[in-house]
Amino acid sequence: MVKTEEYHFGTGRRKSAVAQVRVFKGSGKIVNQSKHDLKFYDSFVEVVTEPLKMLSIESKYDISFIVNGGGVESQKTAIQLGVARAISKISEDYEKSLKKANMLSRDPREKERKKPGLKKARRAPQWAKR
């Protein structure tokens, strides 16, 4: 589904997941343009539409997204951030409400790098007495 009408764009990131979100005027549909089947994203609806529900505008806008990388939970949060950022561009009032609800801030936590001599970032090899 490709729409040629005007939209608002937002990018959301969480860990290694990146979501490109477009918000169109519409009736509240959610369209997935990623490689995965939409059934894979059924559990996303609640989390993704949270910024819209908070502003009571879930039936006024359609959401289209592409998401890559990360796991299921980080993808959900990345899409949610992308939706919030796109909506904040529509109206200044929306931006103030979303900022107050802390929906426009990115979760900065990333995976810590592996250090030499260790199994993981902090996990040391098992110690044996003999």
Protein backbone atom coordinates (compact mmCIF):
# COMPACT_ATOMS: atom_id res chain seq x y z
CA MET A 1 0.00 0.00 0.00
CA VAL A 2 1.68 3.20 -1.19
CA LYS A 3 0.02 6.50 -0.41
CA THR A 4 0.92 9.65 -2.28
CA GLU A 5 -0.83 12.03 0.09
CA GLU A 6 0.83 14.21 2.69
CA TYR A 7 2.29 12.51 5.74
CA HIS A 8 4.44 13.23 8.80
CA PHE A 9 7.63 11.23 9.25
CA GLY A 10 9.33 10.04 12.44
CA THR A 11 12.31 7.80 13.10
CA GLY A 12 12.44 5.69 16.24
CA ARG A 13 15.41 3.75 17.59
CA ARG A 14 15.90 1.31 20.45
CA LYS A 15 19.01 -0.85 20.92
CA SER A 16 19.75 -1.96 17.33
CA ALA A 17 16.16 -1.61 16.04
CA VAL A 18 15.35 1.26 13.67
CA ALA A 19 11.79 2.15 12.69
CA GLN A 20 10.76 4.52 9.91
CA VAL A 21 7.21 5.68 10.60
CA ARG A 22 4.77 7.66 8.46
CA VAL A 23 1.56 9.08 9.91
CA PHE A 24 -1.26 9.90 7.46
CA LYS A 25 -4.70 11.40 8.04
CA GLY A 26 -7.08 8.46 7.97
CA SER A 27 -9.20 6.08 9.98
CA GLY A 28 -6.76 4.40 12.39
CA LYS A 29 -5.25 1.63 10.23
CA ILE A 30 -1.78 0.26 10.92
CA VAL A 31 0.18 -0.88 7.87
CA ASN A 32 3.40 -2.87 8.10
CA GLN A 33 5.80 -2.51 5.16
CA SER A 34 8.56 -4.65 6.68
CA LYS A 35 9.58 -8.11 5.47
CA HIS A 36 7.65 -9.89 8.23
CA ASP A 37 3.99 -10.81 7.93
CA LEU A 38 1.51 -8.54 9.72
CA LYS A 39 0.59 -11.44 12.06
CA PHE A 40 4.11 -11.09 13.49
CA TYR A 41 3.21 -7.54 14.53
CA ASP A 42 -0.26 -8.26 15.99
CA SER A 43 1.00 -7.75 19.52
CA PHE A 44 2.45 -4.36 18.49
CA VAL A 45 -0.90 -2.56 18.15
CA GLU A 46 -1.29 -1.71 21.84
CA VAL A 47 2.24 -0.37 22.30
CA VAL A 48 2.45 1.39 18.93
CA THR A 49 -0.83 3.28 19.29
CA GLU A 50 -0.14 4.40 22.88
CA PRO A 51 0.85 7.98 21.87
CA LEU A 52 -2.33 8.24 19.77
CA LYS A 53 -4.52 6.88 22.58
CA MET A 54 -2.97 9.28 25.06
CA LEU A 55 -4.00 12.20 22.84
CA SER A 56 -7.39 10.56 21.97
CA ILE A 57 -6.70 10.71 18.22
CA GLU A 58 -6.30 7.00 17.38
CA SER A 59 -9.16 7.06 14.86
CA LYS A 60 -7.87 10.16 13.02
CA TYR A 61 -4.53 8.88 11.72
CA ASP A 62 -3.16 5.87 9.81
CA ILE A 63 0.30 4.51 10.61
CA SER A 64 2.71 2.98 8.12
CA PHE A 65 6.05 1.62 9.31
CA ILE A 66 9.20 -0.19 8.25
CA VAL A 67 11.31 -1.69 11.01
CA ASN A 68 14.69 -3.44 10.85
CA GLY A 69 17.10 -4.91 13.39
CA GLY A 70 16.75 -5.71 17.05
CA GLY A 71 14.30 -8.03 18.73
CA VAL A 72 10.53 -7.89 19.02
CA GLU A 73 10.44 -5.72 22.16
CA SER A 74 12.97 -3.17 20.86
CA GLN A 75 11.09 -2.98 17.56
CA LYS A 76 7.85 -2.20 19.43
CA THR A 77 9.50 0.61 21.36
CA ALA A 78 11.23 1.95 18.24
CA ILE A 79 7.92 2.13 16.36
CA GLN A 80 6.26 3.81 19.34
CA LEU A 81 8.98 6.47 19.44
CA GLY A 82 8.69 6.99 15.68
CA VAL A 83 4.90 7.46 15.97
CA ALA A 84 5.33 9.92 18.84
CA ARG A 85 7.94 11.93 16.90
CA ALA A 86 5.76 12.03 13.78
CA ILE A 87 2.69 13.18 15.75
CA SER A 88 4.69 15.85 17.54
CA LYS A 89 5.32 17.49 14.14
CA ILE A 90 1.57 17.83 13.53
CA SER A 91 0.79 20.18 16.40
CA GLU A 92 2.70 22.01 19.11
CA ASP A 93 0.05 20.95 21.66
CA TYR A 94 0.65 17.30 20.80
CA GLU A 95 4.38 17.80 21.27
CA LYS A 96 3.92 19.34 24.73
CA SER A 97 1.64 16.50 25.87
CA LEU A 98 3.95 13.78 24.52
CA LYS A 99 7.01 15.40 26.06
CA LYS A 100 5.24 15.63 29.42
CA ALA A 101 4.40 11.90 29.18
CA ASN A 102 8.09 11.17 28.37
CA MET A 103 7.27 9.59 24.98
CA LEU A 104 9.67 11.68 22.91
CA SER A 105 12.85 10.55 24.65
CA ARG A 106 14.95 7.70 23.29
CA ASP A 107 16.09 4.90 25.57
CA PRO A 108 19.89 5.32 25.35
CA ARG A 109 20.84 1.84 26.64
CA GLU A 110 22.91 -0.16 24.15
CA LYS A 111 24.70 -3.50 24.36
CA GLU A 112 28.08 -3.16 26.04
CA ARG A 113 31.07 -4.24 23.96
CA LYS A 114 32.93 -7.48 24.65
CA LYS A 115 36.33 -7.00 26.32
CA PRO A 116 39.43 -9.09 25.50
CA GLY A 117 40.00 -12.01 27.85
CA LEU A 118 36.34 -12.16 28.87
CA LYS A 119 33.50 -14.36 27.60
CA LYS A 120 31.09 -11.41 27.26
CA ALA A 121 31.23 -7.76 28.29
CA ARG A 122 31.80 -8.58 31.97
CA ARG A 123 31.54 -12.37 32.24
CA ALA A 124 34.95 -13.80 33.12
CA PRO A 125 36.01 -17.33 32.13
CA GLN A 126 35.16 -19.94 34.78
CA TRP A 127 37.92 -20.29 37.37
CA ALA A 128 39.24 -23.75 38.23
CA LYS A 129 41.45 -24.43 41.23
CA ARG A 130 43.16 -27.46 39.61
